[in-house]
Amino acid sequence: MAEIIQRDGTWVFDGDALRLTPGRDKNVSLFRKTLGELTVPLGALAGVSFEQGKKAGRLRLRLRDGSDPLLHATGGRLAEPHDPYQLIVESDRYGVAEYFVEEVRGALLLDQVAADPVDAYLLPGPSLPLSVSAGDGTATFDGEHIRLEWNWKTEDAKAAAGSRTLALADITGVEWHPAAGLENGHLRFTVRNAPTKAPPKYDPNAVELWGFKKDPLMALVAAAVQARLPHPARVAATDVPGPRPELPFPPVTSAEDDHDALLRRLRELGELHRTGVLTDDEFTMAKQAVLKRL
């Protein structure tokens, strides 16, 4: 097991998954504290890195495309302080951070985890029920319905229509954009058979955001809804004209093929051990795991 404890948070790796817990320091963002602890399965990782700085360094996880509904919902627009897959490391813990990276990379190598995109979410998204107040309204999601309620700052015509309840079954998409410069942000739901081109200020299916402290929390609602919508890769596959392509499934292999693959794996492990990539203990553990499958 590898563990690194910092004021910014604690990361623990047990060989199968990483547990990311935000710190309680005042500099830890409200978004990360509200999101809470994350468990990232090893199979969701595309890579890990550590960057040193003069006063502090930074651990970064890179997830496989399509594995996390939060990353999909935010589309890379989540500002660095709110990114749960980064950890600020104090200079006296650089050695621990480097060891942590080596342990995770070693596990990725042993498990032969691919870095290519996936067609199903490997993380569950934010826990429910969830309610966030920001901008001109409050968005509440219980897993089946989204309720939008307006406040005194809401545009008059939008507020006059009253609160809205949207069934998850009627939602075809969700998008979250933070405010940037003079441009306001929004949380918007696309409703089946009810397209709209109205700006978020007037759109009854959108919450307008103005760049205040709680704005990023609306990304939690977007991620929770996204986690319960059809995965984008599968939607794209069914949108191809003509016969629907088959979704990828693992090829059926014979017992003889499996036996040959395991023998090749043993040879690969032996080479990694010989060249010093794997320690004696790591090689023994990995070899035993393969031999059990023969």
C-alpha atoms as a PDB file:
ATOM      1  CA  MET A   1       0.000   0.000   0.000  1.00  0.00           C
ATOM      2  CA  ALA A   2       1.179   3.534  -0.772  1.00  0.00           C
ATOM      3  CA  GLU A   3      -0.067   6.598   1.086  1.00  0.00           C
ATOM      4  CA  ILE A   4       0.650  10.313   1.043  1.00  0.00           C
ATOM      5  CA  ILE A   5      -0.875  12.677   3.594  1.00  0.00           C
ATOM      6  CA  GLN A   6      -0.849  16.436   2.961  1.00  0.00           C
ATOM      7  CA  ARG A   7      -2.798  19.480   4.098  1.00  0.00           C
ATOM      8  CA  ASP A   8      -4.373  19.498   0.638  1.00  0.00           C
ATOM      9  CA  GLY A   9      -5.625  15.932   1.073  1.00  0.00           C
ATOM     10  CA  THR A  10      -4.731  12.271   1.480  1.00  0.00           C
ATOM     11  CA  TRP A  11      -4.217   9.750  -1.314  1.00  0.00           C
ATOM     12  CA  VAL A  12      -4.090   6.019  -0.582  1.00  0.00           C
ATOM     13  CA  PHE A  13      -3.385   3.256  -3.106  1.00  0.00           C
ATOM     14  CA  ASP A  14      -4.058  -0.382  -2.153  1.00  0.00           C
ATOM     15  CA  GLY A  15      -3.123  -2.010  -5.458  1.00  0.00           C
ATOM     16  CA  ASP A  16      -6.672  -2.119  -6.821  1.00  0.00           C
ATOM     17  CA  ALA A  17      -7.956   1.437  -6.346  1.00  0.00           C
ATOM     18  CA  LEU A  18      -6.972   4.912  -5.211  1.00  0.00           C
ATOM     19  CA  ARG A  19      -8.861   6.608  -2.400  1.00  0.00           C
ATOM     20  CA  LEU A  20      -8.695  10.406  -2.682  1.00  0.00           C
ATOM     21  CA  THR A  21      -9.761  12.341   0.407  1.00  0.00           C
ATOM     22  CA  PRO A  22      -9.778  16.172   0.353  1.00  0.00           C
ATOM     23  CA  GLY A  23      -7.977  17.913   3.203  1.00  0.00           C
ATOM     24  CA  ARG A  24      -9.576  20.159   5.811  1.00  0.00           C
ATOM     25  CA  ASP A  25      -7.181  23.021   5.229  1.00  0.00           C
ATOM     26  CA  LYS A  26      -8.824  26.399   4.599  1.00  0.00           C
ATOM     27  CA  ASN A  27      -7.205  26.535   1.163  1.00  0.00           C
ATOM     28  CA  VAL A  28      -8.997  23.374  -0.017  1.00  0.00           C
ATOM     29  CA  SER A  29     -11.839  24.438  -2.303  1.00  0.00           C
ATOM     30  CA  LEU A  30     -15.503  24.212  -1.328  1.00  0.00           C
ATOM     31  CA  PHE A  31     -16.085  22.090  -4.423  1.00  0.00           C
ATOM     32  CA  ARG A  32     -13.612  19.387  -3.384  1.00  0.00           C
ATOM     33  CA  LYS A  33     -14.885  19.368   0.191  1.00  0.00           C
ATOM     34  CA  THR A  34     -18.471  18.993  -0.992  1.00  0.00           C
ATOM     35  CA  LEU A  35     -17.568  16.267  -3.501  1.00  0.00           C
ATOM     36  CA  GLY A  36     -15.917  14.346  -0.666  1.00  0.00           C
ATOM     37  CA  GLU A  37     -13.872  11.163  -0.889  1.00  0.00           C
ATOM     38  CA  LEU A  38     -13.438   9.502  -4.276  1.00  0.00           C
ATOM     39  CA  THR A  39     -12.534   5.888  -4.989  1.00  0.00           C
ATOM     40  CA  VAL A  40     -10.879   5.531  -8.385  1.00  0.00           C
ATOM     41  CA  PRO A  41     -10.465   1.949  -9.649  1.00  0.00           C
ATOM     42  CA  LEU A  42      -7.088   1.186 -11.178  1.00  0.00           C
ATOM     43  CA  GLY A  43      -8.787   0.359 -14.475  1.00  0.00           C
ATOM     44  CA  ALA A  44     -10.008   3.954 -14.793  1.00  0.00           C
ATOM     45  CA  LEU A  45      -6.475   5.376 -14.840  1.00  0.00           C
ATOM     46  CA  ALA A  46      -4.585   6.367 -17.951  1.00  0.00           C
ATOM     47  CA  GLY A  47      -1.525   7.639 -16.055  1.00  0.00           C
ATOM     48  CA  VAL A  48      -0.057   9.433 -13.044  1.00  0.00           C
ATOM     49  CA  SER A  49       2.632  12.079 -12.766  1.00  0.00           C
ATOM     50  CA  PHE A  50       4.445  14.239 -10.226  1.00  0.00           C
ATOM     51  CA  GLU A  51       5.680  17.738 -10.961  1.00  0.00           C
ATOM     52  CA  GLN A  52       8.171  19.377  -8.612  1.00  0.00           C
ATOM     53  CA  GLY A  53       8.181  23.078  -7.849  1.00  0.00           C
ATOM     54  CA  LYS A  54      10.385  25.357  -5.753  1.00  0.00           C
ATOM     55  CA  LYS A  55       7.983  25.478  -2.811  1.00  0.00           C
ATOM     56  CA  ALA A  56       5.476  22.757  -3.626  1.00  0.00           C
ATOM     57  CA  GLY A  57       4.862  20.034  -6.165  1.00  0.00           C
ATOM     58  CA  ARG A  58       1.742  18.511  -7.643  1.00  0.00           C
ATOM     59  CA  LEU A  59       0.543  14.940  -8.086  1.00  0.00           C
ATOM     60  CA  ARG A  60      -1.775  14.483 -11.057  1.00  0.00           C
ATOM     61  CA  LEU A  61      -3.952  11.583 -12.117  1.00  0.00           C
ATOM     62  CA  ARG A  62      -5.002  11.209 -15.738  1.00  0.00           C
ATOM     63  CA  LEU A  63      -8.202   9.233 -16.208  1.00  0.00           C
ATOM     64  CA  ARG A  64      -9.229   7.303 -19.283  1.00  0.00           C
ATOM     65  CA  ASP A  65     -11.632   9.220 -21.516  1.00  0.00           C
ATOM     66  CA  GLY A  66     -15.226   8.348 -20.740  1.00  0.00           C
ATOM     67  CA  SER A  67     -14.513   6.795 -17.338  1.00  0.00           C
ATOM     68  CA  ASP A  68     -15.709   9.656 -15.119  1.00  0.00           C
ATOM     69  CA  PRO A  69     -19.050  11.484 -15.512  1.00  0.00           C
ATOM     70  CA  LEU A  70     -17.632  14.502 -13.648  1.00  0.00           C
ATOM     71  CA  LEU A  71     -14.852  15.006 -16.182  1.00  0.00           C
ATOM     72  CA  HIS A  72     -17.289  14.538 -19.046  1.00  0.00           C
ATOM     73  CA  ALA A  73     -19.826  16.981 -17.600  1.00  0.00           C
ATOM     74  CA  THR A  74     -17.202  19.675 -16.958  1.00  0.00           C
ATOM     75  CA  GLY A  75     -15.353  19.121 -20.241  1.00  0.00           C
ATOM     76  CA  GLY A  76     -12.008  20.331 -18.904  1.00  0.00           C
ATOM     77  CA  ARG A  77     -13.538  23.586 -17.665  1.00  0.00           C
ATOM     78  CA  LEU A  78     -13.131  22.839 -13.963  1.00  0.00           C
ATOM     79  CA  ALA A  79     -10.504  25.256 -12.605  1.00  0.00           C
ATOM     80  CA  GLU A  80      -7.326  23.781 -11.119  1.00  0.00           C
ATOM     81  CA  PRO A  81      -8.170  24.440  -7.430  1.00  0.00           C
ATOM     82  CA  HIS A  82     -11.355  22.371  -7.846  1.00  0.00           C
ATOM     83  CA  ASP A  83      -9.765  19.434  -9.689  1.00  0.00           C
ATOM     84  CA  PRO A  84     -10.070  16.382  -7.384  1.00  0.00           C
ATOM     85  CA  TYR A  85      -7.405  14.535  -9.386  1.00  0.00           C
ATOM     86  CA  GLN A  86      -4.606  16.869  -8.327  1.00  0.00           C
ATOM     87  CA  LEU A  87      -2.838  17.010  -4.967  1.00  0.00           C
ATOM     88  CA  ILE A  88      -0.481  19.751  -3.774  1.00  0.00           C
ATOM     89  CA  VAL A  89       2.648  18.177  -2.256  1.00  0.00           C
ATOM     90  CA  GLU A  90       4.920  20.011   0.167  1.00  0.00           C
ATOM     91  CA  SER A  91       8.625  19.955  -0.697  1.00  0.00           C
ATOM     92  CA  ASP A  92       9.611  17.730   2.230  1.00  0.00           C
ATOM     93  CA  ARG A  93       7.336  14.975   0.887  1.00  0.00           C
ATOM     94  CA  TYR A  94       8.699  14.807  -2.648  1.00  0.00           C
ATOM     95  CA  GLY A  95      10.254  11.401  -1.982  1.00  0.00           C
ATOM     96  CA  VAL A  96       6.917   9.990  -0.839  1.00  0.00           C
ATOM     97  CA  ALA A  97       5.196  11.426  -3.915  1.00  0.00           C
ATOM     98  CA  GLU A  98       7.745   9.816  -6.238  1.00  0.00           C
ATOM     99  CA  TYR A  99       7.312   6.469  -4.478  1.00  0.00           C
ATOM    100  CA  PHE A 100       3.519   6.825  -4.813  1.00  0.00           C
ATOM    101  CA  VAL A 101       3.847   7.387  -8.567  1.00  0.00           C
ATOM    102  CA  GLU A 102       6.129   4.355  -8.926  1.00  0.00           C
ATOM    103  CA  GLU A 103       3.645   2.130  -7.084  1.00  0.00           C
ATOM    104  CA  VAL A 104       0.709   3.209  -9.232  1.00  0.00           C
ATOM    105  CA  ARG A 105       2.671   2.939 -12.475  1.00  0.00           C
ATOM    106  CA  GLY A 106       3.897  -0.509 -11.470  1.00  0.00           C
ATOM    107  CA  ALA A 107       0.331  -1.664 -10.854  1.00  0.00           C
ATOM    108  CA  LEU A 108      -0.816  -0.254 -14.207  1.00  0.00           C
ATOM    109  CA  LEU A 109       1.990  -2.176 -15.873  1.00  0.00           C
ATOM    110  CA  LEU A 110       1.291  -5.438 -14.045  1.00  0.00           C
ATOM    111  CA  ASP A 111      -2.438  -5.263 -14.744  1.00  0.00           C
ATOM    112  CA  GLN A 112      -1.785  -4.167 -18.336  1.00  0.00           C
ATOM    113  CA  VAL A 113      -4.325  -1.358 -18.015  1.00  0.00           C
ATOM    114  CA  ALA A 114      -4.873   0.291 -21.391  1.00  0.00           C
ATOM    115  CA  ALA A 115      -4.996   4.078 -21.691  1.00  0.00           C
ATOM    116  CA  ASP A 116      -7.626   4.095 -24.432  1.00  0.00           C
ATOM    117  CA  PRO A 117     -11.195   5.451 -23.955  1.00  0.00           C
ATOM    118  CA  VAL A 118     -13.920   3.337 -22.359  1.00  0.00           C
ATOM    119  CA  ASP A 119     -17.595   2.983 -23.282  1.00  0.00           C
ATOM    120  CA  ALA A 120     -18.992   2.832 -19.727  1.00  0.00           C
ATOM    121  CA  TYR A 121     -18.503   4.994 -16.648  1.00  0.00           C
ATOM    122  CA  LEU A 122     -16.105   3.448 -14.140  1.00  0.00           C
ATOM    123  CA  LEU A 123     -16.898   5.979 -11.410  1.00  0.00           C
ATOM    124  CA  PRO A 124     -20.418   6.476 -10.009  1.00  0.00           C
ATOM    125  CA  GLY A 125     -20.539  10.286  -9.938  1.00  0.00           C
ATOM    126  CA  PRO A 126     -21.516  12.440  -6.929  1.00  0.00           C
ATOM    127  CA  SER A 127     -23.702  10.853  -4.270  1.00  0.00           C
ATOM    128  CA  LEU A 128     -27.433  11.614  -4.040  1.00  0.00           C
ATOM    129  CA  PRO A 129     -29.668  13.333  -3.103  1.00  0.00           C
ATOM    130  CA  LEU A 130     -28.016  16.562  -4.149  1.00  0.00           C
ATOM    131  CA  SER A 131     -29.155  20.178  -3.929  1.00  0.00           C
ATOM    132  CA  VAL A 132     -27.174  23.263  -4.937  1.00  0.00           C
ATOM    133  CA  SER A 133     -28.120  26.952  -4.795  1.00  0.00           C
ATOM    134  CA  ALA A 134     -26.133  29.311  -7.015  1.00  0.00           C
ATOM    135  CA  GLY A 135     -26.752  32.011  -9.589  1.00  0.00           C
ATOM    136  CA  ASP A 136     -30.449  32.575 -10.250  1.00  0.00           C
ATOM    137  CA  GLY A 137     -31.776  29.297  -8.845  1.00  0.00           C
ATOM    138  CA  THR A 138     -31.532  26.014  -6.946  1.00  0.00           C
ATOM    139  CA  ALA A 139     -31.089  22.637  -8.659  1.00  0.00           C
ATOM    140  CA  THR A 140     -32.090  19.488  -6.780  1.00  0.00           C
ATOM    141  CA  PHE A 141     -31.615  15.931  -8.052  1.00  0.00           C
ATOM    142  CA  ASP A 142     -32.822  12.729  -6.396  1.00  0.00           C
ATOM    143  CA  GLY A 143     -31.824  10.266  -9.083  1.00  0.00           C
ATOM    144  CA  GLU A 144     -35.137  10.351 -10.949  1.00  0.00           C
ATOM    145  CA  HIS A 145     -36.200  14.005 -11.096  1.00  0.00           C
ATOM    146  CA  ILE A 146     -34.470  17.369 -11.371  1.00  0.00           C
ATOM    147  CA  ARG A 147     -36.210  20.281  -9.693  1.00  0.00           C
ATOM    148  CA  LEU A 148     -35.336  23.867 -10.603  1.00  0.00           C
ATOM    149  CA  GLU A 149     -36.477  26.641  -8.249  1.00  0.00           C
ATOM    150  CA  TRP A 150     -35.895  30.348  -8.776  1.00  0.00           C
ATOM    151  CA  ASN A 151     -34.809  33.155  -6.457  1.00  0.00           C
ATOM    152  CA  TRP A 152     -35.345  36.916  -6.321  1.00  0.00           C
ATOM    153  CA  LYS A 153     -32.514  37.478  -8.817  1.00  0.00           C
ATOM    154  CA  THR A 154     -34.176  35.417 -11.571  1.00  0.00           C
ATOM    155  CA  GLU A 155     -35.382  37.194 -14.716  1.00  0.00           C
ATOM    156  CA  ASP A 156     -39.096  38.064 -14.290  1.00  0.00           C
ATOM    157  CA  ALA A 157     -40.569  36.040 -17.161  1.00  0.00           C
ATOM    158  CA  LYS A 158     -38.544  32.971 -16.197  1.00  0.00           C
ATOM    159  CA  ALA A 159     -39.554  33.263 -12.549  1.00  0.00           C
ATOM    160  CA  ALA A 160     -43.226  33.822 -13.440  1.00  0.00           C
ATOM    161  CA  ALA A 161     -43.377  30.343 -14.991  1.00  0.00           C
ATOM    162  CA  GLY A 162     -42.663  28.903 -11.548  1.00  0.00           C
ATOM    163  CA  SER A 163     -40.513  25.986 -10.443  1.00  0.00           C
ATOM    164  CA  ARG A 164     -39.846  23.169 -12.901  1.00  0.00           C
ATOM    165  CA  THR A 165     -39.565  19.422 -12.384  1.00  0.00           C
ATOM    166  CA  LEU A 166     -37.821  17.465 -15.128  1.00  0.00           C
ATOM    167  CA  ALA A 167     -37.933  13.672 -15.271  1.00  0.00           C
ATOM    168  CA  LEU A 168     -34.562  12.055 -15.882  1.00  0.00           C
ATOM    169  CA  ALA A 169     -36.199   9.954 -18.620  1.00  0.00           C
ATOM    170  CA  ASP A 170     -36.891  13.180 -20.557  1.00  0.00           C
ATOM    171  CA  ILE A 171     -33.330  14.499 -20.325  1.00  0.00           C
ATOM    172  CA  THR A 172     -31.092  13.936 -23.335  1.00  0.00           C
ATOM    173  CA  GLY A 173     -28.129  16.042 -22.252  1.00  0.00           C
ATOM    174  CA  VAL A 174     -26.650  18.290 -19.568  1.00  0.00           C
ATOM    175  CA  GLU A 175     -23.962  20.939 -19.801  1.00  0.00           C
ATOM    176  CA  TRP A 176     -22.123  23.071 -17.281  1.00  0.00           C
ATOM    177  CA  HIS A 177     -20.111  26.163 -18.156  1.00  0.00           C
ATOM    178  CA  PRO A 178     -18.407  28.398 -15.566  1.00  0.00           C
ATOM    179  CA  ALA A 179     -18.543  32.154 -15.847  1.00  0.00           C
ATOM    180  CA  ALA A 180     -15.540  33.519 -17.768  1.00  0.00           C
ATOM    181  CA  GLY A 181     -14.667  37.194 -17.838  1.00  0.00           C
ATOM    182  CA  LEU A 182     -17.808  39.172 -18.678  1.00  0.00           C
ATOM    183  CA  GLU A 183     -19.628  36.066 -19.891  1.00  0.00           C
ATOM    184  CA  ASN A 184     -21.943  34.330 -17.438  1.00  0.00           C
ATOM    185  CA  GLY A 185     -21.932  30.577 -16.989  1.00  0.00           C
ATOM    186  CA  HIS A 186     -24.815  28.124 -16.727  1.00  0.00           C
ATOM    187  CA  LEU A 187     -26.141  24.682 -15.906  1.00  0.00           C
ATOM    188  CA  ARG A 188     -28.494  23.640 -18.709  1.00  0.00           C
ATOM    189  CA  PHE A 189     -30.594  20.542 -19.349  1.00  0.00           C
ATOM    190  CA  THR A 190     -31.595  19.462 -22.829  1.00  0.00           C
ATOM    191  CA  VAL A 191     -35.131  18.098 -22.731  1.00  0.00           C
ATOM    192  CA  ARG A 192     -36.459  15.583 -25.245  1.00  0.00           C
ATOM    193  CA  ASN A 193     -38.703  17.150 -27.921  1.00  0.00           C
ATOM    194  CA  ALA A 194     -38.290  20.601 -26.366  1.00  0.00           C
ATOM    195  CA  PRO A 195     -35.204  22.241 -27.924  1.00  0.00           C
ATOM    196  CA  THR A 196     -34.427  25.804 -26.895  1.00  0.00           C
ATOM    197  CA  LYS A 197     -31.993  28.444 -28.134  1.00  0.00           C
ATOM    198  CA  ALA A 198     -32.828  30.957 -25.440  1.00  0.00           C
ATOM    199  CA  PRO A 199     -29.921  32.332 -23.377  1.00  0.00           C
ATOM    200  CA  PRO A 200     -29.694  30.724 -19.905  1.00  0.00           C
ATOM    201  CA  LYS A 201     -31.071  33.913 -18.382  1.00  0.00           C
ATOM    202  CA  TYR A 202     -34.426  33.205 -20.067  1.00  0.00           C
ATOM    203  CA  ASP A 203     -34.250  29.418 -20.454  1.00  0.00           C
ATOM    204  CA  PRO A 204     -36.558  27.664 -17.930  1.00  0.00           C
ATOM    205  CA  ASN A 205     -34.370  24.551 -18.186  1.00  0.00           C
ATOM    206  CA  ALA A 206     -31.185  26.377 -17.204  1.00  0.00           C
ATOM    207  CA  VAL A 207     -29.646  28.022 -14.150  1.00  0.00           C
ATOM    208  CA  GLU A 208     -27.588  31.114 -14.947  1.00  0.00           C
ATOM    209  CA  LEU A 209     -24.258  31.450 -13.084  1.00  0.00           C
ATOM    210  CA  TRP A 210     -22.419  34.688 -12.392  1.00  0.00           C
ATOM    211  CA  GLY A 211     -19.000  33.586 -11.184  1.00  0.00           C
ATOM    212  CA  PHE A 212     -19.566  33.406  -7.437  1.00  0.00           C
ATOM    213  CA  LYS A 213     -18.063  30.939  -4.955  1.00  0.00           C
ATOM    214  CA  LYS A 214     -20.815  28.318  -5.186  1.00  0.00           C
ATOM    215  CA  ASP A 215     -20.962  28.222  -8.995  1.00  0.00           C
ATOM    216  CA  PRO A 216     -18.636  25.180  -9.313  1.00  0.00           C
ATOM    217  CA  LEU A 217     -21.028  23.171  -7.108  1.00  0.00           C
ATOM    218  CA  MET A 218     -23.514  23.142  -9.986  1.00  0.00           C
ATOM    219  CA  ALA A 219     -20.999  20.902 -11.756  1.00  0.00           C
ATOM    220  CA  LEU A 220     -21.840  18.249  -9.149  1.00  0.00           C
ATOM    221  CA  VAL A 221     -25.466  18.279 -10.294  1.00  0.00           C
ATOM    222  CA  ALA A 222     -24.348  18.052 -13.918  1.00  0.00           C
ATOM    223  CA  ALA A 223     -22.083  15.082 -13.116  1.00  0.00           C
ATOM    224  CA  ALA A 224     -24.748  13.262 -11.088  1.00  0.00           C
ATOM    225  CA  VAL A 225     -27.214  13.561 -13.964  1.00  0.00           C
ATOM    226  CA  GLN A 226     -24.593  12.650 -16.573  1.00  0.00           C
ATOM    227  CA  ALA A 227     -23.746   9.462 -14.650  1.00  0.00           C
ATOM    228  CA  ARG A 228     -27.344   8.299 -15.138  1.00  0.00           C
ATOM    229  CA  LEU A 229     -27.637   9.134 -18.839  1.00  0.00           C
ATOM    230  CA  PRO A 230     -26.569   6.729 -21.599  1.00  0.00           C
ATOM    231  CA  HIS A 231     -22.800   6.783 -22.008  1.00  0.00           C
ATOM    232  CA  PRO A 232     -21.756   9.162 -24.842  1.00  0.00           C
ATOM    233  CA  ALA A 233     -19.720   6.452 -26.593  1.00  0.00           C
ATOM    234  CA  ARG A 234     -22.753   4.185 -26.836  1.00  0.00           C
ATOM    235  CA  VAL A 235     -24.966   7.062 -27.985  1.00  0.00           C
ATOM    236  CA  ALA A 236     -22.440   7.896 -30.719  1.00  0.00           C
ATOM    237  CA  ALA A 237     -22.370   4.256 -31.807  1.00  0.00           C
ATOM    238  CA  THR A 238     -26.144   4.119 -32.218  1.00  0.00           C
ATOM    239  CA  ASP A 239     -26.184   7.437 -34.133  1.00  0.00           C
ATOM    240  CA  VAL A 240     -24.105   6.024 -37.012  1.00  0.00           C
ATOM    241  CA  PRO A 241     -26.257   5.841 -40.201  1.00  0.00           C
ATOM    242  CA  GLY A 242     -27.124   2.386 -41.509  1.00  0.00           C
ATOM    243  CA  PRO A 243     -26.908  -0.835 -39.511  1.00  0.00           C
ATOM    244  CA  ARG A 244     -26.038  -0.180 -35.892  1.00  0.00           C
ATOM    245  CA  PRO A 245     -22.460  -1.197 -35.148  1.00  0.00           C
ATOM    246  CA  GLU A 246     -21.874  -3.779 -32.494  1.00  0.00           C
ATOM    247  CA  LEU A 247     -20.575  -2.423 -29.214  1.00  0.00           C
ATOM    248  CA  PRO A 248     -17.154  -3.804 -28.325  1.00  0.00           C
ATOM    249  CA  PHE A 249     -17.063  -6.951 -26.230  1.00  0.00           C
ATOM    250  CA  PRO A 250     -14.022  -9.027 -25.233  1.00  0.00           C
ATOM    251  CA  PRO A 251     -13.262 -11.652 -27.882  1.00  0.00           C
ATOM    252  CA  VAL A 252     -14.077 -15.240 -27.061  1.00  0.00           C
ATOM    253  CA  THR A 253     -10.870 -17.192 -26.605  1.00  0.00           C
ATOM    254  CA  SER A 254     -10.194 -20.858 -26.232  1.00  0.00           C
ATOM    255  CA  ALA A 255      -8.487 -22.440 -23.227  1.00  0.00           C
ATOM    256  CA  GLU A 256      -5.413 -22.998 -25.420  1.00  0.00           C
ATOM    257  CA  ASP A 257      -5.284 -19.298 -26.339  1.00  0.00           C
ATOM    258  CA  ASP A 258      -5.565 -18.328 -22.649  1.00  0.00           C
ATOM    259  CA  HIS A 259      -2.762 -20.752 -21.770  1.00  0.00           C
ATOM    260  CA  ASP A 260      -0.453 -19.277 -24.410  1.00  0.00           C
ATOM    261  CA  ALA A 261      -1.269 -15.724 -23.290  1.00  0.00           C
ATOM    262  CA  LEU A 262      -0.408 -16.562 -19.682  1.00  0.00           C
ATOM    263  CA  LEU A 263       2.886 -18.126 -20.722  1.00  0.00           C
ATOM    264  CA  ARG A 264       3.727 -14.973 -22.678  1.00  0.00           C
ATOM    265  CA  ARG A 265       2.853 -12.937 -19.597  1.00  0.00           C
ATOM    266  CA  LEU A 266       5.251 -15.001 -17.490  1.00  0.00           C
ATOM    267  CA  ARG A 267       8.033 -14.334 -19.975  1.00  0.00           C
ATOM    268  CA  GLU A 268       7.240 -10.602 -19.916  1.00  0.00           C
ATOM    269  CA  LEU A 269       7.345 -10.545 -16.114  1.00  0.00           C
ATOM    270  CA  GLY A 270      10.679 -12.362 -16.165  1.00  0.00           C
ATOM    271  CA  GLU A 271      12.103  -9.736 -18.520  1.00  0.00           C
ATOM    272  CA  LEU A 272      10.782  -6.885 -16.363  1.00  0.00           C
ATOM    273  CA  HIS A 273      12.373  -8.515 -13.313  1.00  0.00           C
ATOM    274  CA  ARG A 274      15.663  -9.077 -15.116  1.00  0.00           C
ATOM    275  CA  THR A 275      15.898  -5.444 -16.215  1.00  0.00           C
ATOM    276  CA  GLY A 276      15.084  -4.143 -12.731  1.00  0.00           C
ATOM    277  CA  VAL A 277      11.625  -2.726 -13.433  1.00  0.00           C
ATOM    278  CA  LEU A 278      10.101  -5.170 -10.927  1.00  0.00           C
ATOM    279  CA  THR A 279      11.570  -5.884  -7.492  1.00  0.00           C
ATOM    280  CA  ASP A 280      11.935  -9.450  -6.238  1.00  0.00           C
ATOM    281  CA  ASP A 281       8.757  -9.157  -4.178  1.00  0.00           C
ATOM    282  CA  GLU A 282       6.757  -7.601  -7.022  1.00  0.00           C
ATOM    283  CA  PHE A 283       7.934 -10.287  -9.427  1.00  0.00           C
ATOM    284  CA  THR A 284       7.058 -13.098  -7.022  1.00  0.00           C
ATOM    285  CA  MET A 285       3.588 -11.684  -6.347  1.00  0.00           C
ATOM    286  CA  ALA A 286       2.829 -11.130 -10.032  1.00  0.00           C
ATOM    287  CA  LYS A 287       4.160 -14.555 -11.028  1.00  0.00           C
ATOM    288  CA  GLN A 288       2.023 -16.289  -8.409  1.00  0.00           C
ATOM    289  CA  ALA A 289      -1.075 -14.471  -9.682  1.00  0.00           C
ATOM    290  CA  VAL A 290      -0.398 -15.709 -13.227  1.00  0.00           C
ATOM    291  CA  LEU A 291       0.386 -19.272 -12.150  1.00  0.00           C
ATOM    292  CA  LYS A 292      -2.953 -19.498 -10.327  1.00  0.00           C
ATOM    293  CA  ARG A 293      -4.700 -18.930 -13.662  1.00  0.00           C
ATOM    294  CA  LEU A 294      -2.771 -21.661 -15.526  1.00  0.00           C
END
